[in-house]
Amino acid sequence: MGSAVFPAKKKKIEAMIKKYGEDMTWHVFKTNFKEDYPEDWALINAAFESYQKNTKRGKNHPMPHPDKYLKNLYASFSTK
């Protein structure tokens, strides 16, 4: 997989912060990300499924579950 799960990640997160405010909660972020960027949410899920499918049984892969991926993304931008 490439380094970015979906394109223009930083730009899209900055747009969400501008639209919904810097103090948005995790739940607001999650709901609005899925509504505002359904194609990107699908890409995140597809990347996770691809890792799941291509990883041998009993081995781990580097991508967290899609909800955890989104929560990590939220945490990385909410601290900046």
PDB file of N, CA and C in Angstrom:
ATOM      1  N   MET A   1       0.842  -1.187   0.000  1.00  0.00           N
ATOM      2  CA  MET A   1       0.000   0.000   0.000  1.00  0.00           C
ATOM      3  C   MET A   1       0.878   1.237   0.000  1.00  0.00           C
ATOM      4  N   GLY A   2       0.337   2.333  -0.476  1.00  0.00           N
ATOM      5  CA  GLY A   2       1.076   3.584  -0.472  1.00  0.00           C
ATOM      6  C   GLY A   2       1.129   4.172   0.916  1.00  0.00           C
ATOM      7  N   SER A   3       1.818   5.291   1.031  1.00  0.00           N
ATOM      8  CA  SER A   3       1.967   5.896   2.349  1.00  0.00           C
ATOM      9  C   SER A   3       0.688   6.579   2.823  1.00  0.00           C
ATOM     10  N   ALA A   4      -0.116   7.080   1.885  1.00  0.00           N
ATOM     11  CA  ALA A   4      -1.360   7.752   2.262  1.00  0.00           C
ATOM     12  C   ALA A   4      -2.540   6.842   1.934  1.00  0.00           C
ATOM     13  N   VAL A   5      -3.401   6.650   2.897  1.00  0.00           N
ATOM     14  CA  VAL A   5      -4.572   5.813   2.675  1.00  0.00           C
ATOM     15  C   VAL A   5      -5.583   6.549   1.807  1.00  0.00           C
ATOM     16  N   PHE A   6      -5.678   7.870   1.988  1.00  0.00           N
ATOM     17  CA  PHE A   6      -6.545   8.674   1.129  1.00  0.00           C
ATOM     18  C   PHE A   6      -5.840   9.983   0.799  1.00  0.00           C
ATOM     19  N   PRO A   7      -6.133  10.568  -0.362  1.00  0.00           N
ATOM     20  CA  PRO A   7      -5.414  11.754  -0.833  1.00  0.00           C
ATOM     21  C   PRO A   7      -5.790  13.034  -0.077  1.00  0.00           C
ATOM     22  N   ALA A   8      -4.839  13.944  -0.013  1.00  0.00           N
ATOM     23  CA  ALA A   8      -5.027  15.282   0.565  1.00  0.00           C
ATOM     24  C   ALA A   8      -5.553  15.237   1.995  1.00  0.00           C
ATOM     25  N   LYS A   9      -5.021  14.316   2.773  1.00  0.00           N
ATOM     26  CA  LYS A   9      -5.486  14.107   4.153  1.00  0.00           C
ATOM     27  C   LYS A   9      -5.415  15.402   4.973  1.00  0.00           C
ATOM     28  N   LYS A  10      -4.258  16.035   4.977  1.00  0.00           N
ATOM     29  CA  LYS A  10      -4.073  17.236   5.797  1.00  0.00           C
ATOM     30  C   LYS A  10      -5.040  18.339   5.378  1.00  0.00           C
ATOM     31  N   LYS A  11      -5.183  18.552   4.086  1.00  0.00           N
ATOM     32  CA  LYS A  11      -6.076  19.597   3.569  1.00  0.00           C
ATOM     33  C   LYS A  11      -7.528  19.347   3.987  1.00  0.00           C
ATOM     34  N   LYS A  12      -7.952  18.100   3.936  1.00  0.00           N
ATOM     35  CA  LYS A  12      -9.333  17.764   4.289  1.00  0.00           C
ATOM     36  C   LYS A  12      -9.582  17.919   5.786  1.00  0.00           C
ATOM     37  N   ILE A  13      -8.621  17.535   6.592  1.00  0.00           N
ATOM     38  CA  ILE A  13      -8.782  17.687   8.035  1.00  0.00           C
ATOM     39  C   ILE A  13      -8.809  19.167   8.406  1.00  0.00           C
ATOM     40  N   GLU A  14      -7.940  19.954   7.785  1.00  0.00           N
ATOM     41  CA  GLU A  14      -7.941  21.399   8.037  1.00  0.00           C
ATOM     42  C   GLU A  14      -9.269  22.026   7.625  1.00  0.00           C
ATOM     43  N   ALA A  15      -9.856  21.552   6.533  1.00  0.00           N
ATOM     44  CA  ALA A  15     -11.166  22.048   6.100  1.00  0.00           C
ATOM     45  C   ALA A  15     -12.247  21.693   7.120  1.00  0.00           C
ATOM     46  N   MET A  16     -12.153  20.501   7.690  1.00  0.00           N
ATOM     47  CA  MET A  16     -13.129  20.112   8.715  1.00  0.00           C
ATOM     48  C   MET A  16     -12.988  20.979   9.959  1.00  0.00           C
ATOM     49  N   ILE A  17     -11.749  21.248  10.354  1.00  0.00           N
ATOM     50  CA  ILE A  17     -11.520  22.092  11.535  1.00  0.00           C
ATOM     51  C   ILE A  17     -12.081  23.485  11.294  1.00  0.00           C
ATOM     52  N   LYS A  18     -11.874  24.001  10.101  1.00  0.00           N
ATOM     53  CA  LYS A  18     -12.400  25.329   9.763  1.00  0.00           C
ATOM     54  C   LYS A  18     -13.928  25.321   9.758  1.00  0.00           C
ATOM     55  N   LYS A  19     -14.522  24.260   9.236  1.00  0.00           N
ATOM     56  CA  LYS A  19     -15.976  24.165   9.119  1.00  0.00           C
ATOM     57  C   LYS A  19     -16.666  23.902  10.461  1.00  0.00           C
ATOM     58  N   TYR A  20     -16.088  22.997  11.278  1.00  0.00           N
ATOM     59  CA  TYR A  20     -16.754  22.576  12.515  1.00  0.00           C
ATOM     60  C   TYR A  20     -16.117  23.129  13.785  1.00  0.00           C
ATOM     61  N   GLY A  21     -14.982  23.803  13.660  1.00  0.00           N
ATOM     62  CA  GLY A  21     -14.333  24.403  14.823  1.00  0.00           C
ATOM     63  C   GLY A  21     -13.248  23.531  15.412  1.00  0.00           C
ATOM     64  N   GLU A  22     -12.300  24.173  16.025  1.00  0.00           N
ATOM     65  CA  GLU A  22     -11.158  23.471  16.616  1.00  0.00           C
ATOM     66  C   GLU A  22     -11.545  22.634  17.833  1.00  0.00           C
ATOM     67  N   ASP A  23     -12.681  22.950  18.433  1.00  0.00           N
ATOM     68  CA  ASP A  23     -13.087  22.249  19.651  1.00  0.00           C
ATOM     69  C   ASP A  23     -14.050  21.082  19.379  1.00  0.00           C
ATOM     70  N   MET A  24     -14.133  20.619  18.125  1.00  0.00           N
ATOM     71  CA  MET A  24     -15.048  19.509  17.837  1.00  0.00           C
ATOM     72  C   MET A  24     -14.585  18.243  18.570  1.00  0.00           C
ATOM     73  N   THR A  25     -15.550  17.508  19.024  1.00  0.00           N
ATOM     74  CA  THR A  25     -15.250  16.268  19.748  1.00  0.00           C
ATOM     75  C   THR A  25     -14.937  15.152  18.766  1.00  0.00           C
ATOM     76  N   TRP A  26     -14.436  14.050  19.296  1.00  0.00           N
ATOM     77  CA  TRP A  26     -14.134  12.887  18.472  1.00  0.00           C
ATOM     78  C   TRP A  26     -15.385  12.395  17.748  1.00  0.00           C
ATOM     79  N   HIS A  27     -16.518  12.350  18.435  1.00  0.00           N
ATOM     80  CA  HIS A  27     -17.751  11.835  17.837  1.00  0.00           C
ATOM     81  C   HIS A  27     -18.244  12.749  16.718  1.00  0.00           C
ATOM     82  N   VAL A  28     -18.134  14.050  16.909  1.00  0.00           N
ATOM     83  CA  VAL A  28     -18.511  15.008  15.861  1.00  0.00           C
ATOM     84  C   VAL A  28     -17.580  14.831  14.662  1.00  0.00           C
ATOM     85  N   PHE A  29     -16.285  14.703  14.932  1.00  0.00           N
ATOM     86  CA  PHE A  29     -15.305  14.497  13.865  1.00  0.00           C
ATOM     87  C   PHE A  29     -15.623  13.232  13.068  1.00  0.00           C
ATOM     88  N   LYS A  30     -15.851  12.138  13.770  1.00  0.00           N
ATOM     89  CA  LYS A  30     -16.108  10.851  13.123  1.00  0.00           C
ATOM     90  C   LYS A  30     -17.367  10.911  12.252  1.00  0.00           C
ATOM     91  N   THR A  31     -18.447  11.418  12.799  1.00  0.00           N
ATOM     92  CA  THR A  31     -19.704  11.514  12.064  1.00  0.00           C
ATOM     93  C   THR A  31     -19.562  12.403  10.839  1.00  0.00           C
ATOM     94  N   ASN A  32     -18.958  13.567  11.035  1.00  0.00           N
ATOM     95  CA  ASN A  32     -18.848  14.518   9.930  1.00  0.00           C
ATOM     96  C   ASN A  32     -17.834  14.074   8.887  1.00  0.00           C
ATOM     97  N   PHE A  33     -16.771  13.392   9.289  1.00  0.00           N
ATOM     98  CA  PHE A  33     -15.822  12.874   8.310  1.00  0.00           C
ATOM     99  C   PHE A  33     -16.524  11.885   7.391  1.00  0.00           C
ATOM    100  N   LYS A  34     -17.290  10.984   7.970  1.00  0.00           N
ATOM    101  CA  LYS A  34     -17.991   9.976   7.174  1.00  0.00           C
ATOM    102  C   LYS A  34     -19.016  10.619   6.236  1.00  0.00           C
ATOM    103  N   GLU A  35     -19.653  11.710   6.678  1.00  0.00           N
ATOM    104  CA  GLU A  35     -20.638  12.403   5.839  1.00  0.00           C
ATOM    105  C   GLU A  35     -19.965  13.270   4.776  1.00  0.00           C
ATOM    106  N   ASP A  36     -18.911  13.981   5.161  1.00  0.00           N
ATOM    107  CA  ASP A  36     -18.253  14.912   4.243  1.00  0.00           C
ATOM    108  C   ASP A  36     -17.350  14.203   3.230  1.00  0.00           C
ATOM    109  N   TYR A  37     -16.765  13.094   3.624  1.00  0.00           N
ATOM    110  CA  TYR A  37     -15.806  12.393   2.770  1.00  0.00           C
ATOM    111  C   TYR A  37     -16.120  10.899   2.692  1.00  0.00           C
ATOM    112  N   PRO A  38     -17.291  10.552   2.160  1.00  0.00           N
ATOM    113  CA  PRO A  38     -17.653   9.124   2.098  1.00  0.00           C
ATOM    114  C   PRO A  38     -16.697   8.304   1.229  1.00  0.00           C
ATOM    115  N   GLU A  39     -16.147   8.926   0.183  1.00  0.00           N
ATOM    116  CA  GLU A  39     -15.198   8.200  -0.674  1.00  0.00           C
ATOM    117  C   GLU A  39     -13.929   7.872   0.099  1.00  0.00           C
ATOM    118  N   ASP A  40     -13.464   8.810   0.914  1.00  0.00           N
ATOM    119  CA  ASP A  40     -12.260   8.577   1.707  1.00  0.00           C
ATOM    120  C   ASP A  40     -12.514   7.549   2.803  1.00  0.00           C
ATOM    121  N   TRP A  41     -13.703   7.576   3.390  1.00  0.00           N
ATOM    122  CA  TRP A  41     -14.051   6.568   4.394  1.00  0.00           C
ATOM    123  C   TRP A  41     -14.044   5.186   3.737  1.00  0.00           C
ATOM    124  N   ALA A  42     -14.541   5.111   2.514  1.00  0.00           N
ATOM    125  CA  ALA A  42     -14.518   3.843   1.779  1.00  0.00           C
ATOM    126  C   ALA A  42     -13.084   3.407   1.492  1.00  0.00           C
ATOM    127  N   LEU A  43     -12.200   4.353   1.157  1.00  0.00           N
ATOM    128  CA  LEU A  43     -10.788   4.020   0.906  1.00  0.00           C
ATOM    129  C   LEU A  43     -10.108   3.490   2.170  1.00  0.00           C
ATOM    130  N   ILE A  44     -10.422   4.090   3.312  1.00  0.00           N
ATOM    131  CA  ILE A  44      -9.855   3.630   4.584  1.00  0.00           C
ATOM    132  C   ILE A  44     -10.289   2.193   4.852  1.00  0.00           C
ATOM    133  N   ASN A  45     -11.576   1.929   4.666  1.00  0.00           N
ATOM    134  CA  ASN A  45     -12.097   0.578   4.880  1.00  0.00           C
ATOM    135  C   ASN A  45     -11.510  -0.406   3.876  1.00  0.00           C
ATOM    136  N   ALA A  46     -11.369   0.013   2.626  1.00  0.00           N
ATOM    137  CA  ALA A  46     -10.806  -0.863   1.593  1.00  0.00           C
ATOM    138  C   ALA A  46      -9.340  -1.190   1.899  1.00  0.00           C
ATOM    139  N   ALA A  47      -8.594  -0.204   2.357  1.00  0.00           N
ATOM    140  CA  ALA A  47      -7.190  -0.443   2.702  1.00  0.00           C
ATOM    141  C   ALA A  47      -7.094  -1.442   3.854  1.00  0.00           C
ATOM    142  N   PHE A  48      -7.936  -1.268   4.861  1.00  0.00           N
ATOM    143  CA  PHE A  48      -7.939  -2.189   5.991  1.00  0.00           C
ATOM    144  C   PHE A  48      -8.288  -3.606   5.535  1.00  0.00           C
ATOM    145  N   GLU A  49      -9.324  -3.728   4.723  1.00  0.00           N
ATOM    146  CA  GLU A  49      -9.731  -5.042   4.229  1.00  0.00           C
ATOM    147  C   GLU A  49      -8.628  -5.682   3.396  1.00  0.00           C
ATOM    148  N   SER A  50      -7.924  -4.877   2.618  1.00  0.00           N
ATOM    149  CA  SER A  50      -6.824  -5.393   1.810  1.00  0.00           C
ATOM    150  C   SER A  50      -5.712  -5.952   2.702  1.00  0.00           C
ATOM    151  N   TYR A  51      -5.361  -5.191   3.743  1.00  0.00           N
ATOM    152  CA  TYR A  51      -4.360  -5.687   4.688  1.00  0.00           C
ATOM    153  C   TYR A  51      -4.833  -6.972   5.349  1.00  0.00           C
ATOM    154  N   GLN A  52      -6.101  -6.996   5.756  1.00  0.00           N
ATOM    155  CA  GLN A  52      -6.655  -8.182   6.410  1.00  0.00           C
ATOM    156  C   GLN A  52      -6.556  -9.397   5.485  1.00  0.00           C
ATOM    157  N   LYS A  53      -6.918  -9.202   4.233  1.00  0.00           N
ATOM    158  CA  LYS A  53      -6.953 -10.289   3.267  1.00  0.00           C
ATOM    159  C   LYS A  53      -5.552 -10.789   2.910  1.00  0.00           C
ATOM    160  N   ASN A  54      -4.598  -9.872   2.841  1.00  0.00           N
ATOM    161  CA  ASN A  54      -3.260 -10.227   2.379  1.00  0.00           C
ATOM    162  C   ASN A  54      -2.268 -10.569   3.489  1.00  0.00           C
ATOM    163  N   THR A  55      -2.727 -10.540   4.729  1.00  0.00           N
ATOM    164  CA  THR A  55      -1.859 -10.883   5.847  1.00  0.00           C
ATOM    165  C   THR A  55      -2.112 -12.330   6.250  1.00  0.00           C
ATOM    166  N   LYS A  56      -1.038 -13.056   6.389  1.00  0.00           N
ATOM    167  CA  LYS A  56      -1.178 -14.466   6.761  1.00  0.00           C
ATOM    168  C   LYS A  56      -1.808 -14.602   8.147  1.00  0.00           C
ATOM    169  N   ARG A  57      -2.566 -15.666   8.304  1.00  0.00           N
ATOM    170  CA  ARG A  57      -3.235 -15.941   9.580  1.00  0.00           C
ATOM    171  C   ARG A  57      -2.202 -16.001  10.705  1.00  0.00           C
ATOM    172  N   GLY A  58      -2.511 -15.326  11.791  1.00  0.00           N
ATOM    173  CA  GLY A  58      -1.613 -15.310  12.947  1.00  0.00           C
ATOM    174  C   GLY A  58      -0.590 -14.192  12.904  1.00  0.00           C
ATOM    175  N   LYS A  59      -0.538 -13.458  11.804  1.00  0.00           N
ATOM    176  CA  LYS A  59       0.402 -12.335  11.672  1.00  0.00           C
ATOM    177  C   LYS A  59      -0.370 -11.026  11.805  1.00  0.00           C
ATOM    178  N   ASN A  60       0.347  -9.981  12.163  1.00  0.00           N
ATOM    179  CA  ASN A  60      -0.260  -8.658  12.280  1.00  0.00           C
ATOM    180  C   ASN A  60       0.095  -7.812  11.068  1.00  0.00           C
ATOM    181  N   HIS A  61      -0.734  -6.828  10.791  1.00  0.00           N
ATOM    182  CA  HIS A  61      -0.428  -5.863   9.746  1.00  0.00           C
ATOM    183  C   HIS A  61      -0.409  -4.473  10.373  1.00  0.00           C
ATOM    184  N   PRO A  62       0.173  -3.492   9.692  1.00  0.00           N
ATOM    185  CA  PRO A  62       0.383  -2.180  10.309  1.00  0.00           C
ATOM    186  C   PRO A  62      -0.844  -1.274  10.413  1.00  0.00           C
ATOM    187  N   MET A  63      -1.921  -1.599   9.738  1.00  0.00           N
ATOM    188  CA  MET A  63      -3.066  -0.685   9.741  1.00  0.00           C
ATOM    189  C   MET A  63      -4.050  -1.034  10.844  1.00  0.00           C
ATOM    190  N   PRO A  64      -4.412  -0.032  11.647  1.00  0.00           N
ATOM    191  CA  PRO A  64      -5.437  -0.278  12.677  1.00  0.00           C
ATOM    192  C   PRO A  64      -6.829  -0.378  12.052  1.00  0.00           C
ATOM    193  N   HIS A  65      -7.774  -0.837  12.837  1.00  0.00           N
ATOM    194  CA  HIS A  65      -9.174  -0.890  12.418  1.00  0.00           C
ATOM    195  C   HIS A  65      -9.584   0.507  11.926  1.00  0.00           C
ATOM    196  N   PRO A  66     -10.475   0.618  10.931  1.00  0.00           N
ATOM    197  CA  PRO A  66     -10.845   1.925  10.389  1.00  0.00           C
ATOM    198  C   PRO A  66     -11.271   2.963  11.438  1.00  0.00           C
ATOM    199  N   ASP A  67     -12.044   2.564  12.439  1.00  0.00           N
ATOM    200  CA  ASP A  67     -12.438   3.526  13.476  1.00  0.00           C
ATOM    201  C   ASP A  67     -11.220   4.005  14.266  1.00  0.00           C
ATOM    202  N   LYS A  68     -10.311   3.100  14.562  1.00  0.00           N
ATOM    203  CA  LYS A  68      -9.090   3.455  15.286  1.00  0.00           C
ATOM    204  C   LYS A  68      -8.196   4.337  14.410  1.00  0.00           C
ATOM    205  N   TYR A  69      -8.126   4.033  13.118  1.00  0.00           N
ATOM    206  CA  TYR A  69      -7.358   4.852  12.180  1.00  0.00           C
ATOM    207  C   TYR A  69      -7.873   6.297  12.212  1.00  0.00           C
ATOM    208  N   LEU A  70      -9.202   6.439  12.145  1.00  0.00           N
ATOM    209  CA  LEU A  70      -9.811   7.764  12.164  1.00  0.00           C
ATOM    210  C   LEU A  70      -9.573   8.448  13.507  1.00  0.00           C
ATOM    211  N   LYS A  71      -9.632   7.699  14.596  1.00  0.00           N
ATOM    212  CA  LYS A  71      -9.388   8.275  15.923  1.00  0.00           C
ATOM    213  C   LYS A  71      -7.940   8.743  16.044  1.00  0.00           C
ATOM    214  N   ASN A  72      -7.004   7.971  15.493  1.00  0.00           N
ATOM    215  CA  ASN A  72      -5.598   8.392  15.501  1.00  0.00           C
ATOM    216  C   ASN A  72      -5.413   9.661  14.680  1.00  0.00           C
ATOM    217  N   LEU A  73      -6.103   9.733  13.564  1.00  0.00           N
ATOM    218  CA  LEU A  73      -6.039  10.922  12.710  1.00  0.00           C
ATOM    219  C   LEU A  73      -6.586  12.133  13.466  1.00  0.00           C
ATOM    220  N   TYR A  74      -7.704  11.957  14.123  1.00  0.00           N
ATOM    221  CA  TYR A  74      -8.297  13.025  14.930  1.00  0.00           C
ATOM    222  C   TYR A  74      -7.325  13.475  16.019  1.00  0.00           C
ATOM    223  N   ALA A  75      -6.747  12.526  16.703  1.00  0.00           N
ATOM    224  CA  ALA A  75      -5.833  12.850  17.800  1.00  0.00           C
ATOM    225  C   ALA A  75      -4.594  13.599  17.300  1.00  0.00           C
ATOM    226  N   SER A  76      -4.088  13.207  16.150  1.00  0.00           N
ATOM    227  CA  SER A  76      -2.887  13.867  15.633  1.00  0.00           C
ATOM    228  C   SER A  76      -3.159  15.312  15.230  1.00  0.00           C
ATOM    229  N   PHE A  77      -4.353  15.593  14.729  1.00  0.00           N
ATOM    230  CA  PHE A  77      -4.656  16.958  14.317  1.00  0.00           C
ATOM    231  C   PHE A  77      -5.276  17.781  15.445  1.00  0.00           C
ATOM    232  N   SER A  78      -5.886  17.132  16.419  1.00  0.00           N
ATOM    233  CA  SER A  78      -6.487  17.900  17.519  1.00  0.00           C
ATOM    234  C   SER A  78      -5.446  18.416  18.503  1.00  0.00           C
ATOM    235  N   THR A  79      -4.241  17.842  18.467  1.00  0.00           N
ATOM    236  CA  THR A  79      -3.179  18.304  19.373  1.00  0.00           C
ATOM    237  C   THR A  79      -2.347  19.411  18.755  1.00  0.00           C
ATOM    238  N   LYS A  80      -2.554  19.697  17.483  1.00  0.00           N
ATOM    239  CA  LYS A  80      -1.763  20.736  16.806  1.00  0.00           C
ATOM    240  C   LYS A  80      -2.390  22.096  16.944  1.00  0.00           C
TER     241      LYS A  80
END
